[in-house]
Amino acid sequence: MTQNKLNIKAEAKNLNFFYADGTKALKNVSLPVYENKITALIGPSGCGKSTFLRCFNRMHDLYPGNRYEGQILLHPDNTNVLAKGVDPIEVRMRISMVFQKPNPFPKSIYENVAYGLRVRGEKSKAAVDDKVEEALKGASLWNEVKNRLQDLAFNLSGGQQQRLCIAR
């Protein structure tokens, strides 16, 4: 019998998080996130699930005075995303989030997906077109929108907006 090795993709180690007012929202949280596995955070409202997830891509940095202790490591290179000198924008290019309520940009379906490619410096229209199609196919949205890529993303259903944000 062969054992499948679980590869850790990211992990929190002894993570503490404090809001600017001093409130300690997370206390000594450690959790591996495995590649190709589903990790569920379950708990009552206000217990820190969203706070924990926002630590992974440093969304709390957007509010002055918030602070972290501990580590969040990205594998395979063990980058600690919370370390001084690590650019939060680079972190957000590696870790993205799609919230329960999707937030498409006030742009076309195409532009919602192409935006990140252009920010990263992709200039070739053909390359952007190919990557937009690939991303929309990966999010199981291509067949539903391929003939209306220039429509506003807000015209999509809630589920389609969610998948658009995943493609983005």
Protein backbone atom coordinates (compact mmCIF):
# COMPACT_ATOMS: atom_id res chain seq x y z
CA MET A 1 0.00 0.00 0.00
CA THR A 2 1.36 3.42 -0.97
CA GLN A 3 1.06 6.40 1.37
CA ASN A 4 0.28 9.74 -0.25
CA LYS A 5 2.54 12.42 1.19
CA LEU A 6 0.69 15.57 2.20
CA ASN A 7 2.56 18.65 1.03
CA ILE A 8 2.17 21.76 3.12
CA LYS A 9 1.49 24.77 0.87
CA ALA A 10 1.29 27.39 3.64
CA GLU A 11 1.24 27.40 7.41
CA ALA A 12 0.63 29.66 10.34
CA LYS A 13 3.00 29.22 13.28
CA ASN A 14 2.26 30.70 16.69
CA LEU A 15 0.29 33.52 15.08
CA ASN A 16 -1.02 36.36 17.24
CA PHE A 17 -2.86 39.34 15.85
CA PHE A 18 -3.63 42.63 17.59
CA TYR A 19 -5.93 45.38 16.36
CA ALA A 20 -4.74 48.99 16.69
CA ASP A 21 -6.73 49.44 19.91
CA GLY A 22 -4.75 46.60 21.52
CA THR A 23 -7.46 43.94 21.23
CA LYS A 24 -5.85 40.53 20.78
CA ALA A 25 -7.92 38.84 18.08
CA LEU A 26 -5.79 35.73 17.54
CA LYS A 27 -3.79 33.88 20.17
CA ASN A 28 -1.02 31.43 19.28
CA VAL A 29 -2.71 29.94 16.19
CA SER A 30 -0.80 27.26 14.28
CA LEU A 31 -2.30 25.55 11.25
CA PRO A 32 -0.91 23.84 8.14
CA VAL A 33 -2.69 24.29 4.80
CA TYR A 34 -2.12 21.28 2.56
CA GLU A 35 -1.76 21.32 -1.20
CA ASN A 36 -4.82 20.01 -3.09
CA LYS A 37 -6.82 19.57 0.13
CA ILE A 38 -9.75 21.50 1.51
CA THR A 39 -9.17 23.30 4.79
CA ALA A 40 -12.29 24.51 6.59
CA LEU A 41 -12.39 27.12 9.34
CA ILE A 42 -15.55 26.62 11.35
CA GLY A 43 -16.71 28.64 14.32
CA PRO A 44 -19.21 31.15 15.60
CA SER A 45 -19.46 34.70 14.33
CA GLY A 46 -16.67 36.88 15.72
CA CYS A 47 -14.29 34.06 16.67
CA GLY A 48 -11.49 35.17 14.30
CA LYS A 49 -11.93 33.12 11.12
CA SER A 50 -11.84 36.10 8.75
CA THR A 51 -9.20 37.85 10.84
CA PHE A 52 -7.01 34.75 10.51
CA LEU A 53 -7.49 34.51 6.74
CA ARG A 54 -6.74 38.20 6.22
CA CYS A 55 -3.38 37.67 7.92
CA PHE A 56 -2.29 35.38 5.08
CA ASN A 57 -2.28 38.16 2.50
CA ARG A 58 -1.62 41.01 4.93
CA MET A 59 -4.96 42.74 4.44
CA HIS A 60 -4.68 44.09 7.99
CA ASP A 61 -1.70 46.22 6.87
CA LEU A 62 -4.21 48.56 5.25
CA TYR A 63 -5.17 49.82 8.74
CA PRO A 64 -2.45 51.58 10.77
CA GLY A 65 -1.61 50.21 14.20
CA ASN A 66 -2.58 46.58 13.59
CA ARG A 67 0.25 44.16 14.31
CA TYR A 68 1.21 40.52 13.93
CA GLU A 69 3.41 38.18 15.95
CA GLY A 70 4.47 34.75 14.74
CA GLN A 71 4.90 33.49 11.21
CA ILE A 72 2.94 32.65 8.11
CA LEU A 73 5.16 30.57 5.85
CA LEU A 74 4.63 29.96 2.14
CA HIS A 75 6.17 26.77 0.83
CA PRO A 76 8.28 25.54 -0.83
CA ASP A 77 10.60 28.50 -0.12
CA ASN A 78 9.44 29.13 3.50
CA THR A 79 8.85 32.83 2.86
CA ASN A 80 7.49 34.40 6.05
CA VAL A 81 4.89 36.79 4.64
CA LEU A 82 4.84 38.73 7.93
CA ALA A 83 8.58 39.44 7.98
CA LYS A 84 9.82 43.01 7.72
CA GLY A 85 10.92 43.79 4.18
CA VAL A 86 8.43 41.42 2.55
CA ASP A 87 6.32 43.47 0.13
CA PRO A 88 2.59 42.98 0.85
CA ILE A 89 1.80 43.52 -2.83
CA GLU A 90 4.08 40.61 -3.74
CA VAL A 91 2.36 38.53 -1.06
CA ARG A 92 -1.06 39.35 -2.52
CA MET A 93 0.14 38.19 -5.94
CA ARG A 94 0.78 34.77 -4.39
CA ILE A 95 -2.23 34.60 -2.06
CA SER A 96 -5.63 35.86 -3.08
CA MET A 97 -9.02 35.74 -1.42
CA VAL A 98 -12.56 35.51 -2.63
CA PHE A 99 -14.98 36.60 0.04
CA GLN A 100 -18.48 35.27 0.59
CA LYS A 101 -19.87 38.39 -1.06
CA PRO A 102 -17.95 38.78 -4.34
CA ASN A 103 -16.45 42.14 -5.25
CA PRO A 104 -15.90 42.39 -9.00
CA PHE A 105 -14.32 45.60 -10.25
CA PRO A 106 -16.71 48.09 -11.92
CA LYS A 107 -15.37 46.99 -15.30
CA SER A 108 -16.18 44.46 -17.99
CA ILE A 109 -15.91 40.73 -17.40
CA TYR A 110 -12.77 40.70 -19.56
CA GLU A 111 -11.17 43.66 -17.75
CA ASN A 112 -11.80 42.07 -14.35
CA VAL A 113 -9.61 39.12 -15.29
CA ALA A 114 -7.09 41.05 -17.41
CA TYR A 115 -6.44 43.63 -14.68
CA GLY A 116 -4.00 41.51 -12.66
CA LEU A 117 -2.13 40.44 -15.77
CA ARG A 118 -1.60 44.05 -16.80
CA VAL A 119 -0.53 45.08 -13.29
CA ARG A 120 2.12 42.36 -13.49
CA GLY A 121 3.39 43.86 -16.74
CA GLU A 122 1.80 41.68 -19.43
CA LYS A 123 1.60 43.86 -22.53
CA SER A 124 0.82 41.37 -25.29
CA LYS A 125 -2.90 41.46 -26.14
CA ALA A 126 -2.71 37.90 -27.47
CA ALA A 127 -1.12 36.66 -24.23
CA VAL A 128 -3.70 38.51 -22.12
CA ASP A 129 -6.53 37.10 -24.26
CA ASP A 130 -5.19 33.55 -23.84
CA LYS A 131 -4.73 33.92 -20.09
CA VAL A 132 -8.18 35.47 -19.61
CA GLU A 133 -9.75 32.53 -21.45
CA GLU A 134 -7.67 30.03 -19.47
CA ALA A 135 -8.62 31.65 -16.14
CA LEU A 136 -12.32 31.77 -17.01
CA LYS A 137 -12.22 28.11 -18.08
CA GLY A 138 -10.45 27.23 -14.83
CA ALA A 139 -13.26 28.91 -12.90
CA SER A 140 -15.92 27.10 -15.00
CA LEU A 141 -17.22 30.39 -16.35
CA TRP A 142 -15.93 30.58 -19.93
CA ASN A 143 -18.88 28.86 -21.63
CA GLU A 144 -21.32 31.18 -19.88
CA VAL A 145 -19.55 34.46 -20.73
CA LYS A 146 -17.42 33.93 -23.85
CA ASN A 147 -19.89 35.86 -26.03
CA ARG A 148 -20.29 38.76 -23.62
CA LEU A 149 -16.83 39.51 -22.29
CA GLN A 150 -17.42 43.26 -22.68
CA ASP A 151 -20.53 43.24 -20.46
CA LEU A 152 -20.19 44.75 -17.01
CA ALA A 153 -19.26 42.20 -14.37
CA PHE A 154 -22.10 43.52 -12.19
CA ASN A 155 -24.56 42.02 -14.70
CA LEU A 156 -23.46 38.50 -13.74
CA SER A 157 -25.37 36.47 -11.16
CA GLY A 158 -23.93 36.22 -7.64
CA GLY A 159 -22.47 32.77 -8.34
CA GLN A 160 -20.97 33.94 -11.61
CA GLN A 161 -19.44 36.97 -9.88
CA GLN A 162 -17.90 34.62 -7.32
CA ARG A 163 -16.33 32.53 -10.09
CA LEU A 164 -15.18 35.69 -11.87
CA CYS A 165 -13.34 36.76 -8.72
CA ILE A 166 -11.73 33.30 -8.55
CA ALA A 167 -10.63 33.67 -12.20
CA ARG A 168 -9.24 37.11 -11.45
